[in-house]
Amino acid sequence: MPSDTYQEIEISSSFSQARQAEQTIVTAAENHGYVESDLFALQLSLEEALSNAIRHGNRQDSQKIINIRYHVSQERIDIYVADEGTGFDPTNVPDPTADENLENPHGRGIMLMRAYMNLVEYNQEGNVVHIVKLNPKSTKSSCKNHE
């Protein structure tokens, strides 16, 4: 992750701290002129990423940290959410829309992030998610990986 243009927020595995971090990033996007639908997509996806980090990654252990690195520009929003968990294999998450999984709540957050963001990818260990939202109003938007 490039660090020179990225802001960093470090929180404990706390839903109230996660909401504060979400609001900080959504406000930055709002200040860069993102429209309401993009702000909704960003907030929902960030809420899911942070919730997954707290619940699944850090197992709600308040002693464990979640590191959020983000960069908001007119063209794009890049966010990395890293937890201290052992990670997971995102290819092993069952399809929540399959008939046999309709009653199973797992995997819906990942599905929502993929539906609302332009890019959702995980590091090899599965304990860092990188999400990107492009600004459709910007002609310079590109979803090339900045790592």
Protein backbone atom coordinates (compact mmCIF):
# COMPACT_ATOMS: atom_id res chain seq x y z
CA MET A 1 0.00 0.00 0.00
CA PRO A 2 1.39 3.39 -0.86
CA SER A 3 1.60 5.44 2.31
CA ASP A 4 2.48 8.94 1.11
CA THR A 5 -1.01 9.98 -0.03
CA TYR A 6 -3.02 7.71 2.24
CA GLN A 7 -4.65 8.67 5.51
CA GLU A 8 -4.57 6.08 8.27
CA ILE A 9 -7.08 5.31 10.97
CA GLU A 10 -6.38 2.66 13.60
CA ILE A 11 -9.29 1.38 15.69
CA SER A 12 -9.89 -1.40 18.15
CA SER A 13 -12.45 -4.06 17.26
CA SER A 14 -15.30 -1.77 18.23
CA PHE A 15 -18.44 -1.09 16.22
CA SER A 16 -18.68 2.46 17.59
CA GLN A 17 -15.11 3.22 16.50
CA ALA A 18 -15.88 1.61 13.12
CA ARG A 19 -18.86 3.95 12.66
CA GLN A 20 -16.65 6.95 13.41
CA ALA A 21 -14.09 5.81 10.85
CA GLU A 22 -16.85 5.23 8.27
CA GLN A 23 -18.18 8.73 8.84
CA THR A 24 -14.71 10.26 8.43
CA ILE A 25 -14.23 8.56 5.05
CA VAL A 26 -17.77 9.22 3.81
CA THR A 27 -17.39 12.91 4.75
CA ALA A 28 -14.13 13.06 2.79
CA ALA A 29 -15.92 11.58 -0.24
CA GLU A 30 -18.79 14.02 0.19
CA ASN A 31 -16.28 16.90 0.27
CA HIS A 32 -14.84 15.64 -3.03
CA GLY A 33 -18.24 15.87 -4.73
CA TYR A 34 -19.38 12.24 -4.77
CA VAL A 35 -23.12 11.93 -5.33
CA GLU A 36 -25.58 10.47 -2.82
CA SER A 37 -25.74 7.02 -4.50
CA ASP A 38 -21.94 6.72 -4.41
CA LEU A 39 -21.87 7.82 -0.77
CA PHE A 40 -24.48 5.17 0.06
CA ALA A 41 -22.44 2.50 -1.77
CA LEU A 42 -19.29 3.61 0.03
CA GLN A 43 -20.88 3.63 3.48
CA LEU A 44 -22.54 0.24 3.00
CA SER A 45 -19.36 -1.38 1.67
CA LEU A 46 -17.17 0.15 4.34
CA GLU A 47 -19.62 -0.95 7.04
CA GLU A 48 -19.48 -4.52 5.69
CA ALA A 49 -15.67 -4.53 5.44
CA LEU A 50 -15.28 -3.23 8.99
CA SER A 51 -17.98 -5.53 10.38
CA ASN A 52 -16.25 -8.52 8.78
CA ALA A 53 -12.89 -7.41 10.22
CA ILE A 54 -14.39 -7.06 13.70
CA ARG A 55 -16.59 -10.18 13.72
CA HIS A 56 -14.70 -12.68 11.59
CA GLY A 57 -11.13 -11.39 11.47
CA ASN A 58 -10.56 -10.22 15.02
CA ARG A 59 -13.37 -12.32 16.52
CA GLN A 60 -14.62 -9.23 18.42
CA ASP A 61 -11.44 -9.18 20.50
CA SER A 62 -11.21 -5.54 21.64
CA GLN A 63 -7.45 -5.99 22.15
CA LYS A 64 -6.98 -6.52 18.41
CA ILE A 65 -6.55 -3.62 16.01
CA ILE A 66 -8.06 -2.81 12.64
CA ASN A 67 -5.96 -0.62 10.38
CA ILE A 68 -7.76 1.46 7.75
CA ARG A 69 -5.76 3.21 5.04
CA TYR A 70 -7.67 5.35 2.63
CA HIS A 71 -7.26 7.91 -0.10
CA VAL A 72 -10.10 10.00 -1.47
CA SER A 73 -9.69 12.02 -4.66
CA GLN A 74 -12.01 13.46 -7.30
CA GLU A 75 -11.44 10.33 -9.39
CA ARG A 76 -11.55 7.45 -6.91
CA ILE A 77 -11.73 6.24 -3.35
CA ASP A 78 -9.20 3.58 -2.30
CA ILE A 79 -9.63 1.85 1.04
CA TYR A 80 -7.66 -0.95 2.68
CA VAL A 81 -9.08 -2.60 5.81
CA ALA A 82 -6.63 -4.89 7.62
CA ASP A 83 -7.44 -7.00 10.68
CA GLU A 84 -5.21 -9.13 12.90
CA GLY A 85 -7.02 -12.37 12.14
CA THR A 86 -5.66 -15.43 10.38
CA GLY A 87 -7.56 -14.54 7.22
CA PHE A 88 -9.78 -16.59 4.93
CA ASP A 89 -10.07 -17.73 1.35
CA PRO A 90 -12.74 -15.58 -0.35
CA THR A 91 -13.16 -18.21 -3.07
CA ASN A 92 -14.46 -20.61 -0.40
CA VAL A 93 -17.36 -18.36 0.65
CA PRO A 94 -20.60 -19.96 -0.55
CA ASP A 95 -22.76 -18.05 -3.03
CA PRO A 96 -25.46 -16.45 -0.83
CA THR A 97 -27.89 -16.38 -3.77
CA ALA A 98 -27.78 -20.15 -4.32
CA ASP A 99 -30.99 -21.88 -3.22
CA GLU A 100 -29.21 -23.94 -0.56
CA ASN A 101 -27.69 -20.79 0.99
CA LEU A 102 -30.70 -18.46 1.05
CA GLU A 103 -31.19 -19.03 4.78
CA ASN A 104 -27.44 -18.71 5.52
CA PRO A 105 -26.40 -15.13 6.34
CA HIS A 106 -22.69 -15.67 5.54
CA GLY A 107 -21.23 -14.16 2.39
CA ARG A 108 -23.84 -11.45 1.91
CA GLY A 109 -21.46 -8.65 2.93
CA ILE A 110 -18.90 -9.67 0.33
CA MET A 111 -21.65 -9.91 -2.28
CA LEU A 112 -22.86 -6.40 -1.40
CA MET A 113 -19.36 -4.93 -1.55
CA ARG A 114 -18.82 -6.51 -4.97
CA ALA A 115 -22.17 -5.15 -6.17
CA TYR A 116 -21.53 -1.57 -5.01
CA MET A 117 -17.79 -1.10 -5.45
CA ASN A 118 -15.73 -1.11 -8.63
CA LEU A 119 -13.06 -3.34 -7.12
CA VAL A 120 -13.00 -5.72 -4.16
CA GLU A 121 -9.88 -7.79 -3.66
CA TYR A 122 -8.11 -9.53 -0.79
CA ASN A 123 -4.48 -10.07 0.01
CA GLN A 124 -3.10 -13.61 -0.15
CA GLU A 125 -3.72 -14.26 3.55
CA GLY A 126 -7.28 -12.96 3.37
CA ASN A 127 -6.96 -10.50 6.23
CA VAL A 128 -6.80 -7.31 4.15
CA VAL A 129 -9.58 -6.18 1.83
CA HIS A 130 -8.99 -3.48 -0.77
CA ILE A 131 -12.10 -1.71 -2.03
CA VAL A 132 -12.28 0.95 -4.72
CA LYS A 133 -15.09 3.26 -5.76
CA LEU A 134 -14.62 5.22 -8.97
CA ASN A 135 -16.30 8.57 -9.42
CA PRO A 136 -18.38 8.24 -12.58
CA LYS A 137 -18.34 12.05 -12.90
CA SER A 138 -14.57 11.95 -13.40
CA THR A 139 -13.22 11.14 -16.85
CA LYS A 140 -9.84 10.15 -15.36
CA SER A 141 -11.27 7.27 -13.30
CA SER A 142 -9.33 4.07 -13.68
CA CYS A 143 -9.43 0.91 -11.62
CA LYS A 144 -5.76 0.04 -11.98
CA ASN A 145 -4.28 -1.40 -8.83
CA HIS A 146 -2.07 1.14 -7.02
CA GLU A 147 -0.08 -1.42 -5.01
